[in-house]
Amino acid sequence: MVFLLVAVLAGSPAAVAQQPDRQTAPSTQDAGVDVDELPISLVRIRRGLAALPDVPPDARLHLDYYVDVYGTLPHTVLFDAVDLDPTGPVVYGGMTHSEFLRVVTPQEFSSPVANLSGLAFGASSWAVRRASERRQEEIEARIAEERRLLEAQRQRELDERRRQEASAPDGQPPPP
């Protein structure tokens, strides 16, 4: 399929117009290049084209490119905060979970230094203690008001009794 496409494009007037003139182009034989010695194998190219899947007519303009990239990987340091020296002794064994999290978590995403849960617990304890103190103050104020009212009532009763004793004739007991 692809070979047919290459053959059609090679024979088209646009492709012929784009090719350089054969009389002005330098010959590969004149330059001393042996075409048979180039690292190109027509057998491998034909085999690769034959291995390509058939393309349906509606997807013929969809081109797929396959690229093989050969190179070396850049040096990547995964655990730079951990001493992985194989010659030294193991200090205490494997890492704890908190040590592992400290190593693999970036500084920007690590938790703040302050213990916010302790701060929240302290604030809630203070609020509960303050509410309890206010409740105790309200109870004490109510008790003091009741005492004041009882004392005032007792004082009125004593005043009433004294007034009755003062208004009673001599020798008669005051009415209860």
C-alpha atoms as a PDB file:
ATOM      1  CA  MET A   1       0.000   0.000   0.000  1.00  0.00           C
ATOM      2  CA  VAL A   2       2.704   2.432   0.996  1.00  0.00           C
ATOM      3  CA  PHE A   3       4.853   1.233  -1.904  1.00  0.00           C
ATOM      4  CA  LEU A   4       2.014   2.079  -4.307  1.00  0.00           C
ATOM      5  CA  LEU A   5       1.737   5.547  -2.738  1.00  0.00           C
ATOM      6  CA  VAL A   6       5.493   6.098  -3.167  1.00  0.00           C
ATOM      7  CA  ALA A   7       5.326   4.948  -6.795  1.00  0.00           C
ATOM      8  CA  VAL A   8       2.414   7.294  -7.579  1.00  0.00           C
ATOM      9  CA  LEU A   9       4.153  10.247  -5.938  1.00  0.00           C
ATOM     10  CA  ALA A  10       7.426   9.521  -7.733  1.00  0.00           C
ATOM     11  CA  GLY A  11       5.704   9.551 -11.129  1.00  0.00           C
ATOM     12  CA  SER A  12       3.595  12.669 -10.520  1.00  0.00           C
ATOM     13  CA  PRO A  13       4.489  15.911 -12.373  1.00  0.00           C
ATOM     14  CA  ALA A  14       4.972  17.750  -9.052  1.00  0.00           C
ATOM     15  CA  ALA A  15       7.523  15.189  -7.893  1.00  0.00           C
ATOM     16  CA  VAL A  16       9.291  15.260 -11.260  1.00  0.00           C
ATOM     17  CA  ALA A  17       9.422  19.071 -11.166  1.00  0.00           C
ATOM     18  CA  GLN A  18      10.986  18.996  -7.710  1.00  0.00           C
ATOM     19  CA  GLN A  19      13.762  16.607  -8.696  1.00  0.00           C
ATOM     20  CA  PRO A  20      17.046  18.220  -9.727  1.00  0.00           C
ATOM     21  CA  ASP A  21      18.083  18.066 -13.357  1.00  0.00           C
ATOM     22  CA  ARG A  22      20.076  14.893 -14.006  1.00  0.00           C
ATOM     23  CA  GLN A  23      22.634  16.614 -16.237  1.00  0.00           C
ATOM     24  CA  THR A  24      23.537  19.246 -13.592  1.00  0.00           C
ATOM     25  CA  ALA A  25      23.493  16.933 -10.558  1.00  0.00           C
ATOM     26  CA  PRO A  26      26.850  15.389  -9.693  1.00  0.00           C
ATOM     27  CA  SER A  27      26.953  11.651 -10.168  1.00  0.00           C
ATOM     28  CA  THR A  28      27.528   9.390  -7.204  1.00  0.00           C
ATOM     29  CA  GLN A  29      30.001   7.435  -9.323  1.00  0.00           C
ATOM     30  CA  ASP A  30      32.016  10.625  -9.884  1.00  0.00           C
ATOM     31  CA  ALA A  31      32.137  11.363  -6.134  1.00  0.00           C
ATOM     32  CA  GLY A  32      33.621   7.960  -5.396  1.00  0.00           C
ATOM     33  CA  VAL A  33      30.635   6.646  -3.355  1.00  0.00           C
ATOM     34  CA  ASP A  34      29.686   3.027  -3.880  1.00  0.00           C
ATOM     35  CA  VAL A  35      25.904   2.733  -3.521  1.00  0.00           C
ATOM     36  CA  ASP A  36      26.133  -0.924  -2.618  1.00  0.00           C
ATOM     37  CA  GLU A  37      28.298  -0.070   0.411  1.00  0.00           C
ATOM     38  CA  LEU A  38      25.727   2.341   1.987  1.00  0.00           C
ATOM     39  CA  PRO A  39      24.005   1.027   5.144  1.00  0.00           C
ATOM     40  CA  ILE A  40      20.666   0.755   3.334  1.00  0.00           C
ATOM     41  CA  SER A  41      19.041  -2.586   2.681  1.00  0.00           C
ATOM     42  CA  LEU A  42      16.178  -2.678   0.206  1.00  0.00           C
ATOM     43  CA  VAL A  43      15.292  -6.142   1.459  1.00  0.00           C
ATOM     44  CA  ARG A  44      14.786  -4.829   5.001  1.00  0.00           C
ATOM     45  CA  ILE A  45      12.784  -1.849   3.715  1.00  0.00           C
ATOM     46  CA  ARG A  46      10.496  -4.132   1.694  1.00  0.00           C
ATOM     47  CA  ARG A  47      10.118  -6.474   4.655  1.00  0.00           C
ATOM     48  CA  GLY A  48       9.197  -3.516   6.920  1.00  0.00           C
ATOM     49  CA  LEU A  49       6.672  -2.206   4.416  1.00  0.00           C
ATOM     50  CA  ALA A  50       5.132  -5.657   4.074  1.00  0.00           C
ATOM     51  CA  ALA A  51       4.774  -5.926   7.857  1.00  0.00           C
ATOM     52  CA  LEU A  52       2.713  -2.729   8.037  1.00  0.00           C
ATOM     53  CA  PRO A  53      -1.019  -3.275   8.512  1.00  0.00           C
ATOM     54  CA  ASP A  54      -3.430  -2.647   5.649  1.00  0.00           C
ATOM     55  CA  VAL A  55      -4.950   0.832   5.820  1.00  0.00           C
ATOM     56  CA  PRO A  56      -8.692   1.223   5.157  1.00  0.00           C
ATOM     57  CA  PRO A  57      -9.598   3.702   2.380  1.00  0.00           C
ATOM     58  CA  ASP A  58     -11.089   6.262   4.772  1.00  0.00           C
ATOM     59  CA  ALA A  59      -7.880   6.479   6.834  1.00  0.00           C
ATOM     60  CA  ARG A  60      -5.336   6.745   4.022  1.00  0.00           C
ATOM     61  CA  LEU A  61      -4.536  10.362   4.824  1.00  0.00           C
ATOM     62  CA  HIS A  62      -3.841   9.509   8.444  1.00  0.00           C
ATOM     63  CA  LEU A  63      -0.081   9.098   8.742  1.00  0.00           C
ATOM     64  CA  ASP A  64       1.607   7.268  11.590  1.00  0.00           C
ATOM     65  CA  TYR A  65       5.232   7.927  12.426  1.00  0.00           C
ATOM     66  CA  TYR A  66       7.322   5.463  14.380  1.00  0.00           C
ATOM     67  CA  VAL A  67      10.600   6.752  15.778  1.00  0.00           C
ATOM     68  CA  ASP A  68      13.207   4.758  17.664  1.00  0.00           C
ATOM     69  CA  VAL A  69      15.358   6.940  19.907  1.00  0.00           C
ATOM     70  CA  TYR A  70      18.699   5.671  21.132  1.00  0.00           C
ATOM     71  CA  GLY A  71      20.572   7.556  23.826  1.00  0.00           C
ATOM     72  CA  THR A  72      21.700   7.541  27.450  1.00  0.00           C
ATOM     73  CA  LEU A  73      19.465   8.316  30.399  1.00  0.00           C
ATOM     74  CA  PRO A  74      20.348  11.331  32.544  1.00  0.00           C
ATOM     75  CA  HIS A  75      21.650  10.613  36.030  1.00  0.00           C
ATOM     76  CA  THR A  76      18.724  10.609  38.484  1.00  0.00           C
ATOM     77  CA  VAL A  77      19.183  10.729  42.258  1.00  0.00           C
ATOM     78  CA  LEU A  78      16.171   9.182  43.974  1.00  0.00           C
ATOM     79  CA  PHE A  79      17.245   9.119  47.617  1.00  0.00           C
ATOM     80  CA  ASP A  80      19.777  11.894  48.119  1.00  0.00           C
ATOM     81  CA  ALA A  81      19.055  12.335  51.859  1.00  0.00           C
ATOM     82  CA  VAL A  82      19.726   8.664  52.645  1.00  0.00           C
ATOM     83  CA  ASP A  83      23.244   7.293  52.954  1.00  0.00           C
ATOM     84  CA  LEU A  84      23.288   4.206  50.736  1.00  0.00           C
ATOM     85  CA  ASP A  85      26.999   3.538  51.054  1.00  0.00           C
ATOM     86  CA  PRO A  86      27.407  -0.240  50.671  1.00  0.00           C
ATOM     87  CA  THR A  87      30.762  -0.288  52.481  1.00  0.00           C
ATOM     88  CA  GLY A  88      29.498   1.129  55.778  1.00  0.00           C
ATOM     89  CA  PRO A  89      27.617  -0.810  58.443  1.00  0.00           C
ATOM     90  CA  VAL A  90      23.855  -0.676  58.763  1.00  0.00           C
ATOM     91  CA  VAL A  91      23.188   1.761  61.566  1.00  0.00           C
ATOM     92  CA  TYR A  92      19.863   0.564  62.945  1.00  0.00           C
ATOM     93  CA  GLY A  93      18.023  -1.255  60.188  1.00  0.00           C
ATOM     94  CA  GLY A  94      15.298  -0.095  57.850  1.00  0.00           C
ATOM     95  CA  MET A  95      13.772   3.341  57.771  1.00  0.00           C
ATOM     96  CA  THR A  96      10.711   4.122  59.824  1.00  0.00           C
ATOM     97  CA  HIS A  97       7.588   5.359  58.095  1.00  0.00           C
ATOM     98  CA  SER A  98       8.101   8.941  59.248  1.00  0.00           C
ATOM     99  CA  GLU A  99      11.725   8.900  58.031  1.00  0.00           C
ATOM    100  CA  PHE A 100      10.632   7.584  54.636  1.00  0.00           C
ATOM    101  CA  LEU A 101       7.970  10.296  54.340  1.00  0.00           C
ATOM    102  CA  ARG A 102      10.545  12.939  55.309  1.00  0.00           C
ATOM    103  CA  VAL A 103      12.872  11.697  52.559  1.00  0.00           C
ATOM    104  CA  VAL A 104      10.366  11.390  49.712  1.00  0.00           C
ATOM    105  CA  THR A 105       8.107  14.381  50.469  1.00  0.00           C
ATOM    106  CA  PRO A 106       9.252  17.674  48.967  1.00  0.00           C
ATOM    107  CA  GLN A 107       9.779  20.522  51.436  1.00  0.00           C
ATOM    108  CA  GLU A 108       6.939  22.529  49.886  1.00  0.00           C
ATOM    109  CA  PHE A 109       4.430  19.789  50.699  1.00  0.00           C
ATOM    110  CA  SER A 110       5.638  18.773  54.151  1.00  0.00           C
ATOM    111  CA  SER A 111       3.566  19.618  57.199  1.00  0.00           C
ATOM    112  CA  PRO A 112       4.288  22.780  59.187  1.00  0.00           C
ATOM    113  CA  VAL A 113       6.681  22.707  62.114  1.00  0.00           C
ATOM    114  CA  ALA A 114       4.048  23.743  64.657  1.00  0.00           C
ATOM    115  CA  ASN A 115       1.902  20.989  66.126  1.00  0.00           C
ATOM    116  CA  LEU A 116      -1.496  22.333  65.141  1.00  0.00           C
ATOM    117  CA  SER A 117      -3.398  19.453  66.711  1.00  0.00           C
ATOM    118  CA  GLY A 118      -1.870  20.296  70.099  1.00  0.00           C
ATOM    119  CA  LEU A 119      -2.820  23.922  69.587  1.00  0.00           C
ATOM    120  CA  ALA A 120      -6.399  22.950  68.721  1.00  0.00           C
ATOM    121  CA  PHE A 121      -6.588  20.632  71.755  1.00  0.00           C
ATOM    122  CA  GLY A 122      -5.298  23.406  74.022  1.00  0.00           C
ATOM    123  CA  ALA A 123      -7.811  25.902  72.620  1.00  0.00           C
ATOM    124  CA  SER A 124     -10.711  23.481  73.090  1.00  0.00           C
ATOM    125  CA  SER A 125      -9.573  22.671  76.649  1.00  0.00           C
ATOM    126  CA  TRP A 126      -9.413  26.379  77.461  1.00  0.00           C
ATOM    127  CA  ALA A 127     -12.900  26.926  75.990  1.00  0.00           C
ATOM    128  CA  VAL A 128     -14.361  24.067  78.058  1.00  0.00           C
ATOM    129  CA  ARG A 129     -12.648  25.297  81.231  1.00  0.00           C
ATOM    130  CA  ARG A 130     -13.825  28.886  80.604  1.00  0.00           C
ATOM    131  CA  ALA A 131     -17.424  27.712  80.002  1.00  0.00           C
ATOM    132  CA  SER A 132     -17.287  25.712  83.240  1.00  0.00           C
ATOM    133  CA  GLU A 133     -15.983  28.749  85.147  1.00  0.00           C
ATOM    134  CA  ARG A 134     -18.772  30.942  83.716  1.00  0.00           C
ATOM    135  CA  ARG A 135     -21.374  28.348  84.693  1.00  0.00           C
ATOM    136  CA  GLN A 136     -19.912  28.192  88.213  1.00  0.00           C
ATOM    137  CA  GLU A 137     -19.997  32.009  88.449  1.00  0.00           C
ATOM    138  CA  GLU A 138     -23.659  32.024  87.359  1.00  0.00           C
ATOM    139  CA  ILE A 139     -24.528  29.403  89.977  1.00  0.00           C
ATOM    140  CA  GLU A 140     -22.670  31.354  92.694  1.00  0.00           C
ATOM    141  CA  ALA A 141     -24.439  34.573  91.638  1.00  0.00           C
ATOM    142  CA  ARG A 142     -27.838  32.819  91.813  1.00  0.00           C
ATOM    143  CA  ILE A 143     -27.022  31.405  95.256  1.00  0.00           C
ATOM    144  CA  ALA A 144     -25.939  34.853  96.472  1.00  0.00           C
ATOM    145  CA  GLU A 145     -29.192  36.369  95.131  1.00  0.00           C
ATOM    146  CA  GLU A 146     -31.263  33.654  96.887  1.00  0.00           C
ATOM    147  CA  ARG A 147     -29.371  34.277 100.135  1.00  0.00           C
ATOM    148  CA  ARG A 148     -29.979  38.005  99.818  1.00  0.00           C
ATOM    149  CA  LEU A 149     -33.698  37.414  99.193  1.00  0.00           C
ATOM    150  CA  LEU A 150     -33.943  34.960 102.145  1.00  0.00           C
ATOM    151  CA  GLU A 151     -32.113  37.421 104.378  1.00  0.00           C
ATOM    152  CA  ALA A 152     -34.456  40.228 103.292  1.00  0.00           C
ATOM    153  CA  GLN A 153     -37.501  38.020 103.959  1.00  0.00           C
ATOM    154  CA  ARG A 154     -36.149  37.054 107.391  1.00  0.00           C
ATOM    155  CA  GLN A 155     -35.520  40.705 108.148  1.00  0.00           C
ATOM    156  CA  ARG A 156     -39.099  41.603 107.141  1.00  0.00           C
ATOM    157  CA  GLU A 157     -40.466  38.815 109.351  1.00  0.00           C
ATOM    158  CA  LEU A 158     -38.356  40.039 112.295  1.00  0.00           C
ATOM    159  CA  ASP A 159     -39.504  43.597 111.713  1.00  0.00           C
ATOM    160  CA  GLU A 160     -43.144  42.433 111.534  1.00  0.00           C
ATOM    161  CA  ARG A 161     -42.768  40.463 114.769  1.00  0.00           C
ATOM    162  CA  ARG A 162     -41.168  43.420 116.564  1.00  0.00           C
ATOM    163  CA  ARG A 163     -43.905  45.707 115.349  1.00  0.00           C
ATOM    164  CA  GLN A 164     -46.542  43.250 116.561  1.00  0.00           C
ATOM    165  CA  GLU A 165     -44.825  42.948 119.964  1.00  0.00           C
ATOM    166  CA  ALA A 166     -44.661  46.690 120.213  1.00  0.00           C
ATOM    167  CA  SER A 167     -48.349  47.088 119.369  1.00  0.00           C
ATOM    168  CA  ALA A 168     -49.553  44.222 121.664  1.00  0.00           C
ATOM    169  CA  PRO A 169     -50.818  45.094 125.148  1.00  0.00           C
ATOM    170  CA  ASP A 170     -48.477  44.348 128.039  1.00  0.00           C
ATOM    171  CA  GLY A 171     -48.637  40.829 129.328  1.00  0.00           C
ATOM    172  CA  GLN A 172     -50.275  39.314 126.272  1.00  0.00           C
ATOM    173  CA  PRO A 173     -48.223  37.209 123.877  1.00  0.00           C
ATOM    174  CA  PRO A 174     -48.089  38.373 120.276  1.00  0.00           C
ATOM    175  CA  PRO A 175     -50.216  36.367 117.826  1.00  0.00           C
ATOM    176  CA  PRO A 176     -48.345  33.781 115.858  1.00  0.00           C
END
